[in-house]
Each structure stands twice: as structure tokens, then as C-alpha cells.
PDB file of all heavy atoms in Angstrom:
ATOM      1  N   ARG A   1      80.048 -53.462 -19.224  1.00  0.00           N
ATOM      2  CA  ARG A   1      80.947 -53.656 -18.072  1.00  0.00           C
ATOM      3  C   ARG A   1      81.496 -52.347 -17.510  1.00  0.00           C
ATOM      4  O   ARG A   1      82.146 -52.356 -16.473  1.00  0.00           O
ATOM      5  CB  ARG A   1      82.101 -54.576 -18.470  1.00  0.00           C
ATOM      6  CG  ARG A   1      81.615 -55.946 -18.942  1.00  0.00           C
ATOM      7  CD  ARG A   1      82.758 -56.889 -19.245  1.00  0.00           C
ATOM      8  NE  ARG A   1      82.239 -58.176 -19.708  1.00  0.00           N
ATOM      9  CZ  ARG A   1      82.134 -58.536 -20.973  1.00  0.00           C
ATOM     10  NH1 ARG A   1      82.529 -57.696 -21.927  1.00  0.00           N
ATOM     11  NH2 ARG A   1      81.644 -59.715 -21.315  1.00  0.00           N
ATOM     12  N   THR A   2      81.253 -51.247 -18.205  1.00  0.00           N
ATOM     13  CA  THR A   2      81.755 -49.966 -17.720  1.00  0.00           C
ATOM     14  C   THR A   2      80.879 -48.844 -18.238  1.00  0.00           C
ATOM     15  O   THR A   2      80.281 -48.949 -19.320  1.00  0.00           O
ATOM     16  CB  THR A   2      83.204 -49.725 -18.163  1.00  0.00           C
ATOM     17  OG1 THR A   2      83.631 -48.414 -17.728  1.00  0.00           O
ATOM     18  CG2 THR A   2      83.352 -49.796 -19.673  1.00  0.00           C
ATOM     19  N   ILE A   3      80.812 -47.771 -17.452  1.00  0.00           N
ATOM     20  CA  ILE A   3      80.084 -46.580 -17.885  1.00  0.00           C
ATOM     21  C   ILE A   3      80.753 -45.358 -17.273  1.00  0.00           C
ATOM     22  O   ILE A   3      81.280 -45.417 -16.149  1.00  0.00           O
ATOM     23  CB  ILE A   3      78.597 -46.648 -17.480  1.00  0.00           C
ATOM     24  CG1 ILE A   3      77.818 -45.505 -18.130  1.00  0.00           C
ATOM     25  CG2 ILE A   3      78.435 -46.626 -15.974  1.00  0.00           C
ATOM     26  CD1 ILE A   3      76.323 -45.603 -17.948  1.00  0.00           C
ATOM     27  N   HIS A   4      80.780 -44.284 -18.037  1.00  0.00           N
ATOM     28  CA  HIS A   4      81.324 -43.027 -17.541  1.00  0.00           C
ATOM     29  C   HIS A   4      80.260 -42.361 -16.688  1.00  0.00           C
ATOM     30  O   HIS A   4      79.244 -41.895 -17.208  1.00  0.00           O
ATOM     31  CB  HIS A   4      81.719 -42.139 -18.722  1.00  0.00           C
ATOM     32  CG  HIS A   4      82.356 -40.855 -18.301  1.00  0.00           C
ATOM     33  ND1 HIS A   4      82.253 -39.693 -19.034  1.00  0.00           N
ATOM     34  CD2 HIS A   4      83.133 -40.539 -17.225  1.00  0.00           C
ATOM     35  CE1 HIS A   4      82.923 -38.726 -18.444  1.00  0.00           C
ATOM     36  NE2 HIS A   4      83.468 -39.219 -17.346  1.00  0.00           N
ATOM     37  N   CYS A   5      80.478 -42.312 -15.374  1.00  0.00           N
ATOM     38  CA  CYS A   5      79.433 -41.853 -14.469  1.00  0.00           C
ATOM     39  C   CYS A   5      80.033 -41.404 -13.142  1.00  0.00           C
ATOM     40  O   CYS A   5      80.922 -42.071 -12.600  1.00  0.00           O
ATOM     41  CB  CYS A   5      78.425 -42.983 -14.232  1.00  0.00           C
ATOM     42  SG  CYS A   5      77.150 -42.617 -13.031  1.00  0.00           S
ATOM     43  N   ASP A   6      79.563 -40.292 -12.642  1.00  0.00           N
ATOM     44  CA  ASP A   6      79.945 -39.826 -11.305  1.00  0.00           C
ATOM     45  C   ASP A   6      78.898 -40.327 -10.322  1.00  0.00           C
ATOM     46  O   ASP A   6      77.776 -39.817 -10.275  1.00  0.00           O
ATOM     47  CB  ASP A   6      80.018 -38.299 -11.296  1.00  0.00           C
ATOM     48  CG  ASP A   6      80.539 -37.748  -9.968  1.00  0.00           C
ATOM     49  OD1 ASP A   6      80.560 -38.506  -8.973  1.00  0.00           O
ATOM     50  OD2 ASP A   6      80.922 -36.564  -9.920  1.00  0.00           O
ATOM     51  N   GLY A   7      79.252 -41.334  -9.552  1.00  0.00           N
ATOM     52  CA  GLY A   7      78.301 -41.976  -8.658  1.00  0.00           C
ATOM     53  C   GLY A   7      77.722 -41.077  -7.590  1.00  0.00           C
ATOM     54  O   GLY A   7      76.656 -41.374  -7.039  1.00  0.00           O
ATOM     55  N   SER A   8      78.386 -39.960  -7.284  1.00  0.00           N
ATOM     56  CA  SER A   8      77.901 -39.069  -6.231  1.00  0.00           C
ATOM     57  C   SER A   8      76.769 -38.161  -6.717  1.00  0.00           C
ATOM     58  O   SER A   8      76.083 -37.538  -5.905  1.00  0.00           O
ATOM     59  CB  SER A   8      79.050 -38.201  -5.705  1.00  0.00           C
ATOM     60  OG  SER A   8      79.526 -37.312  -6.714  1.00  0.00           O
ATOM     61  N   LYS A   9      76.572 -38.078  -8.025  1.00  0.00           N
ATOM     62  CA  LYS A   9      75.526 -37.211  -8.577  1.00  0.00           C
ATOM     63  C   LYS A   9      74.150 -37.838  -8.376  1.00  0.00           C
ATOM     64  O   LYS A   9      73.985 -39.052  -8.427  1.00  0.00           O
ATOM     65  CB  LYS A   9      75.756 -36.958 -10.064  1.00  0.00           C
ATOM     66  CG  LYS A   9      77.118 -36.360 -10.408  1.00  0.00           C
ATOM     67  CD  LYS A   9      77.306 -34.990  -9.811  1.00  0.00           C
ATOM     68  CE  LYS A   9      78.615 -34.351 -10.271  1.00  0.00           C
ATOM     69  NZ  LYS A   9      78.858 -33.045  -9.613  1.00  0.00           N
ATOM     70  N   GLU A  10      73.164 -36.981  -8.176  1.00  0.00           N
ATOM     71  CA  GLU A  10      71.790 -37.473  -8.028  1.00  0.00           C
ATOM     72  C   GLU A  10      71.178 -37.763  -9.390  1.00  0.00           C
ATOM     73  O   GLU A  10      71.398 -37.031 -10.354  1.00  0.00           O
ATOM     74  CB  GLU A  10      70.932 -36.450  -7.280  1.00  0.00           C
ATOM     75  CG  GLU A  10      71.257 -36.331  -5.807  1.00  0.00           C
ATOM     76  CD  GLU A  10      70.286 -35.441  -5.054  1.00  0.00           C
ATOM     77  OE1 GLU A  10      69.288 -34.986  -5.693  1.00  0.00           O
ATOM     78  OE2 GLU A  10      70.500 -35.189  -3.870  1.00  0.00           O
ATOM     79  N   VAL A  11      70.409 -38.829  -9.457  1.00  0.00           N
ATOM     80  CA  VAL A  11      69.687 -39.187 -10.674  1.00  0.00           C
ATOM     81  C   VAL A  11      68.192 -39.075 -10.373  1.00  0.00           C
ATOM     82  O   VAL A  11      67.709 -39.655  -9.403  1.00  0.00           O
ATOM     83  CB  VAL A  11      70.052 -40.604 -11.166  1.00  0.00           C
ATOM     84  CG1 VAL A  11      69.915 -41.632 -10.063  1.00  0.00           C
ATOM     85  CG2 VAL A  11      69.212 -40.988 -12.377  1.00  0.00           C
ATOM     86  N   SER A  12      67.487 -38.316 -11.184  1.00  0.00           N
ATOM     87  CA  SER A  12      66.066 -38.106 -10.951  1.00  0.00           C
ATOM     88  C   SER A  12      65.258 -39.093 -11.791  1.00  0.00           C
ATOM     89  O   SER A  12      65.070 -38.893 -12.991  1.00  0.00           O
ATOM     90  CB  SER A  12      65.656 -36.671 -11.299  1.00  0.00           C
ATOM     91  OG  SER A  12      64.300 -36.443 -10.981  1.00  0.00           O
ATOM     92  N   VAL A  13      64.821 -40.177 -11.160  1.00  0.00           N
ATOM     93  CA  VAL A  13      64.006 -41.181 -11.838  1.00  0.00           C
ATOM     94  C   VAL A  13      62.619 -41.205 -11.206  1.00  0.00           C
ATOM     95  O   VAL A  13      62.468 -41.017  -9.995  1.00  0.00           O
ATOM     96  CB  VAL A  13      64.646 -42.582 -11.777  1.00  0.00           C
ATOM     97  CG1 VAL A  13      65.921 -42.627 -12.595  1.00  0.00           C
ATOM     98  CG2 VAL A  13      64.937 -42.999 -10.333  1.00  0.00           C
ATOM     99  N   VAL A  14      61.600 -41.421 -12.034  1.00  0.00           N
ATOM    100  CA  VAL A  14      60.226 -41.481 -11.542  1.00  0.00           C
ATOM    101  C   VAL A  14      59.545 -42.720 -12.128  1.00  0.00           C
ATOM    102  O   VAL A  14      59.654 -42.988 -13.322  1.00  0.00           O
ATOM    103  CB  VAL A  14      59.437 -40.203 -11.911  1.00  0.00           C
ATOM    104  CG1 VAL A  14      59.918 -39.026 -11.076  1.00  0.00           C
ATOM    105  CG2 VAL A  14      59.566 -39.874 -13.395  1.00  0.00           C
ATOM    106  N   PRO A  15      58.859 -43.504 -11.304  1.00  0.00           N
ATOM    107  CA  PRO A  15      58.177 -44.710 -11.802  1.00  0.00           C
ATOM    108  C   PRO A  15      57.068 -44.366 -12.798  1.00  0.00           C
ATOM    109  O   PRO A  15      56.405 -43.331 -12.683  1.00  0.00           O
ATOM    110  CB  PRO A  15      57.605 -45.338 -10.530  1.00  0.00           C
ATOM    111  CG  PRO A  15      58.456 -44.803  -9.422  1.00  0.00           C
ATOM    112  CD  PRO A  15      58.807 -43.408  -9.838  1.00  0.00           C
ATOM    113  N   GLY A  16      56.855 -45.265 -13.761  1.00  0.00           N
ATOM    114  CA  GLY A  16      55.901 -45.011 -14.825  1.00  0.00           C
ATOM    115  C   GLY A  16      54.468 -44.835 -14.349  1.00  0.00           C
ATOM    116  O   GLY A  16      53.746 -43.958 -14.833  1.00  0.00           O
ATOM    117  N   ASP A  17      54.012 -45.665 -13.395  1.00  0.00           N
ATOM    118  CA  ASP A  17      52.623 -45.557 -12.949  1.00  0.00           C
ATOM    119  C   ASP A  17      52.378 -44.269 -12.176  1.00  0.00           C
ATOM    120  O   ASP A  17      51.337 -43.620 -12.343  1.00  0.00           O
ATOM    121  CB  ASP A  17      52.218 -46.776 -12.114  1.00  0.00           C
ATOM    122  CG  ASP A  17      53.174 -47.075 -10.971  1.00  0.00           C
ATOM    123  OD1 ASP A  17      54.330 -46.627 -11.028  1.00  0.00           O
ATOM    124  OD2 ASP A  17      52.764 -47.764 -10.014  1.00  0.00           O
ATOM    125  N   LEU A  18      53.341 -43.840 -11.375  1.00  0.00           N
ATOM    126  CA  LEU A  18      53.203 -42.576 -10.666  1.00  0.00           C
ATOM    127  C   LEU A  18      53.212 -41.403 -11.644  1.00  0.00           C
ATOM    128  O   LEU A  18      52.533 -40.389 -11.436  1.00  0.00           O
ATOM    129  CB  LEU A  18      54.319 -42.402  -9.627  1.00  0.00           C
ATOM    130  CG  LEU A  18      54.040 -42.988  -8.239  1.00  0.00           C
ATOM    131  CD1 LEU A  18      54.096 -44.511  -8.279  1.00  0.00           C
ATOM    132  CD2 LEU A  18      55.029 -42.453  -7.210  1.00  0.00           C
ATOM    133  N   THR A  19      53.987 -41.556 -12.721  1.00  0.00           N
ATOM    134  CA  THR A  19      54.040 -40.505 -13.732  1.00  0.00           C
ATOM    135  C   THR A  19      52.685 -40.342 -14.420  1.00  0.00           C
ATOM    136  O   THR A  19      52.205 -39.221 -14.628  1.00  0.00           O
ATOM    137  CB  THR A  19      55.120 -40.819 -14.779  1.00  0.00           C
ATOM    138  OG1 THR A  19      56.388 -40.949 -14.128  1.00  0.00           O
ATOM    139  CG2 THR A  19      55.206 -39.727 -15.829  1.00  0.00           C
ATOM    140  N   ALA A  20      52.056 -41.460 -14.780  1.00  0.00           N
ATOM    141  CA  ALA A  20      50.731 -41.392 -15.402  1.00  0.00           C
ATOM    142  C   ALA A  20      49.712 -40.787 -14.440  1.00  0.00           C
ATOM    143  O   ALA A  20      48.871 -39.966 -14.839  1.00  0.00           O
ATOM    144  CB  ALA A  20      50.289 -42.784 -15.844  1.00  0.00           C
ATOM    145  N   ASN A  21      49.771 -41.170 -13.176  1.00  0.00           N
ATOM    146  CA  ASN A  21      48.861 -40.615 -12.173  1.00  0.00           C
ATOM    147  C   ASN A  21      49.082 -39.112 -11.996  1.00  0.00           C
ATOM    148  O   ASN A  21      48.122 -38.337 -11.878  1.00  0.00           O
ATOM    149  CB  ASN A  21      49.054 -41.320 -10.827  1.00  0.00           C
ATOM    150  CG  ASN A  21      48.554 -42.748 -10.847  1.00  0.00           C
ATOM    151  OD1 ASN A  21      47.734 -43.121 -11.673  1.00  0.00           O
ATOM    152  ND2 ASN A  21      49.059 -43.562  -9.933  1.00  0.00           N
ATOM    153  N   ALA A  22      50.352 -38.704 -11.974  1.00  0.00           N
ATOM    154  CA  ALA A  22      50.670 -37.283 -11.832  1.00  0.00           C
ATOM    155  C   ALA A  22      50.173 -36.492 -13.034  1.00  0.00           C
ATOM    156  O   ALA A  22      49.679 -35.363 -12.897  1.00  0.00           O
ATOM    157  CB  ALA A  22      52.180 -37.106 -11.665  1.00  0.00           C
ATOM    158  N   LEU A  23      50.288 -37.072 -14.217  1.00  0.00           N
ATOM    159  CA  LEU A  23      49.811 -36.427 -15.439  1.00  0.00           C
ATOM    160  C   LEU A  23      48.298 -36.215 -15.379  1.00  0.00           C
ATOM    161  O   LEU A  23      47.787 -35.140 -15.744  1.00  0.00           O
ATOM    162  CB  LEU A  23      50.196 -37.286 -16.647  1.00  0.00           C
ATOM    163  CG  LEU A  23      49.760 -36.830 -18.034  1.00  0.00           C
ATOM    164  CD1 LEU A  23      50.221 -35.403 -18.322  1.00  0.00           C
ATOM    165  CD2 LEU A  23      50.309 -37.790 -19.091  1.00  0.00           C
ATOM    166  N   ILE A  24      47.575 -37.218 -14.908  1.00  0.00           N
ATOM    167  CA  ILE A  24      46.119 -37.104 -14.763  1.00  0.00           C
ATOM    168  C   ILE A  24      45.767 -36.022 -13.740  1.00  0.00           C
ATOM    169  O   ILE A  24      44.869 -35.202 -13.967  1.00  0.00           O
ATOM    170  CB  ILE A  24      45.522 -38.463 -14.346  1.00  0.00           C
ATOM    171  CG1 ILE A  24      45.661 -39.472 -15.488  1.00  0.00           C
ATOM    172  CG2 ILE A  24      44.069 -38.321 -13.926  1.00  0.00           C
ATOM    173  CD1 ILE A  24      45.346 -40.902 -15.097  1.00  0.00           C
ATOM    174  N   ALA A  25      46.495 -36.005 -12.626  1.00  0.00           N
ATOM    175  CA  ALA A  25      46.235 -35.010 -11.582  1.00  0.00           C
ATOM    176  C   ALA A  25      46.516 -33.598 -12.086  1.00  0.00           C
ATOM    177  O   ALA A  25      45.785 -32.653 -11.759  1.00  0.00           O
ATOM    178  CB  ALA A  25      47.088 -35.318 -10.351  1.00  0.00           C
ATOM    179  N   CYS A  26      47.548 -33.448 -12.900  1.00  0.00           N
ATOM    180  CA  CYS A  26      47.882 -32.124 -13.435  1.00  0.00           C
ATOM    181  C   CYS A  26      46.831 -31.660 -14.437  1.00  0.00           C
ATOM    182  O   CYS A  26      46.519 -30.465 -14.500  1.00  0.00           O
ATOM    183  CB  CYS A  26      49.262 -32.155 -14.078  1.00  0.00           C
ATOM    184  SG  CYS A  26      50.615 -32.259 -12.879  1.00  0.00           S
ATOM    185  N   ALA A  27      46.276 -32.589 -15.229  1.00  0.00           N
ATOM    186  CA  ALA A  27      45.202 -32.224 -16.156  1.00  0.00           C
ATOM    187  C   ALA A  27      43.987 -31.712 -15.372  1.00  0.00           C
ATOM    188  O   ALA A  27      43.342 -30.724 -15.763  1.00  0.00           O
ATOM    189  CB  ALA A  27      44.813 -33.424 -17.014  1.00  0.00           C
ATOM    190  N   TRP A  28      43.679 -32.386 -14.266  1.00  0.00           N
ATOM    191  CA  TRP A  28      42.600 -31.929 -13.387  1.00  0.00           C
ATOM    192  C   TRP A  28      42.911 -30.554 -12.824  1.00  0.00           C
ATOM    193  O   TRP A  28      42.051 -29.659 -12.795  1.00  0.00           O
ATOM    194  CB  TRP A  28      42.414 -32.948 -12.259  1.00  0.00           C
ATOM    195  CG  TRP A  28      41.624 -32.445 -11.089  1.00  0.00           C
ATOM    196  CD1 TRP A  28      40.276 -32.299 -11.003  1.00  0.00           C
ATOM    197  CD2 TRP A  28      42.165 -32.007  -9.821  1.00  0.00           C
ATOM    198  NE1 TRP A  28      39.931 -31.800  -9.770  1.00  0.00           N
ATOM    199  CE2 TRP A  28      41.053 -31.611  -9.029  1.00  0.00           C
ATOM    200  CE3 TRP A  28      43.450 -31.915  -9.301  1.00  0.00           C
ATOM    201  CZ2 TRP A  28      41.225 -31.133  -7.730  1.00  0.00           C
ATOM    202  CZ3 TRP A  28      43.624 -31.447  -8.013  1.00  0.00           C
ATOM    203  CH2 TRP A  28      42.505 -31.067  -7.236  1.00  0.00           C
ATOM    204  N   ASP A  29      44.151 -30.353 -12.394  1.00  0.00           N
ATOM    205  CA  ASP A  29      44.544 -29.063 -11.812  1.00  0.00           C
ATOM    206  C   ASP A  29      44.443 -27.943 -12.837  1.00  0.00           C
ATOM    207  O   ASP A  29      43.993 -26.842 -12.515  1.00  0.00           O
ATOM    208  CB  ASP A  29      45.977 -29.166 -11.270  1.00  0.00           C
ATOM    209  CG  ASP A  29      46.399 -27.915 -10.517  1.00  0.00           C
ATOM    210  OD1 ASP A  29      45.811 -27.655  -9.446  1.00  0.00           O
ATOM    211  OD2 ASP A  29      47.290 -27.205 -11.006  1.00  0.00           O
ATOM    212  N   VAL A  30      44.878 -28.212 -14.074  1.00  0.00           N
ATOM    213  CA  VAL A  30      44.783 -27.204 -15.137  1.00  0.00           C
ATOM    214  C   VAL A  30      43.330 -26.790 -15.330  1.00  0.00           C
ATOM    215  O   VAL A  30      43.012 -25.599 -15.431  1.00  0.00           O
ATOM    216  CB  VAL A  30      45.369 -27.740 -16.461  1.00  0.00           C
ATOM    217  CG1 VAL A  30      45.007 -26.820 -17.629  1.00  0.00           C
ATOM    218  CG2 VAL A  30      46.881 -27.869 -16.362  1.00  0.00           C
ATOM    219  N   GLY A  31      42.430 -27.776 -15.371  1.00  0.00           N
ATOM    220  CA  GLY A  31      41.016 -27.488 -15.566  1.00  0.00           C
ATOM    221  C   GLY A  31      40.401 -26.722 -14.413  1.00  0.00           C
ATOM    222  O   GLY A  31      39.619 -25.784 -14.616  1.00  0.00           O
ATOM    223  N   THR A  32      40.749 -27.082 -13.187  1.00  0.00           N
ATOM    224  CA  THR A  32      40.164 -26.412 -12.023  1.00  0.00           C
ATOM    225  C   THR A  32      40.776 -25.030 -11.815  1.00  0.00           C
ATOM    226  O   THR A  32      40.101 -24.119 -11.335  1.00  0.00           O
ATOM    227  CB  THR A  32      40.354 -27.260 -10.757  1.00  0.00           C
ATOM    228  OG1 THR A  32      41.742 -27.613 -10.610  1.00  0.00           O
ATOM    229  CG2 THR A  32      39.529 -28.536 -10.836  1.00  0.00           C
ATOM    230  N   ARG A  33      42.049 -24.861 -12.169  1.00  0.00           N
ATOM    231  CA  ARG A  33      42.670 -23.541 -12.081  1.00  0.00           C
ATOM    232  C   ARG A  33      41.965 -22.553 -13.007  1.00  0.00           C
ATOM    233  O   ARG A  33      41.704 -21.416 -12.652  1.00  0.00           O
ATOM    234  CB  ARG A  33      44.147 -23.610 -12.468  1.00  0.00           C
ATOM    235  CG  ARG A  33      45.093 -24.017 -11.366  1.00  0.00           C
ATOM    236  CD  ARG A  33      46.493 -24.200 -11.909  1.00  0.00           C
ATOM    237  NE  ARG A  33      47.435 -24.582 -10.881  1.00  0.00           N
ATOM    238  CZ  ARG A  33      48.268 -23.737 -10.279  1.00  0.00           C
ATOM    239  NH1 ARG A  33      48.271 -22.481 -10.617  1.00  0.00           N
ATOM    240  NH2 ARG A  33      49.108 -24.158  -9.352  1.00  0.00           N
TER     241      ARG A  33
END
């Protein structure tokens, strides 16, 4: 019912499927670099 939180602060959340896709893309980038 309560949490200590400053609502004006930004929260950086990323969806799981986009995260997996980004991880795959970065592995490709590491290899091509």
C-alpha cells in the first residue's frame, strides 16, 4: 500500500523481448567489429 519513491524521477525499464533482440544484435556487432 505504500512505497518510498520520488515520482518525478525517471525509471529506465526495457521489455524482455526487446532486450533479447538487442543482445543478439550486439553479439552480431561485436563479431562484425
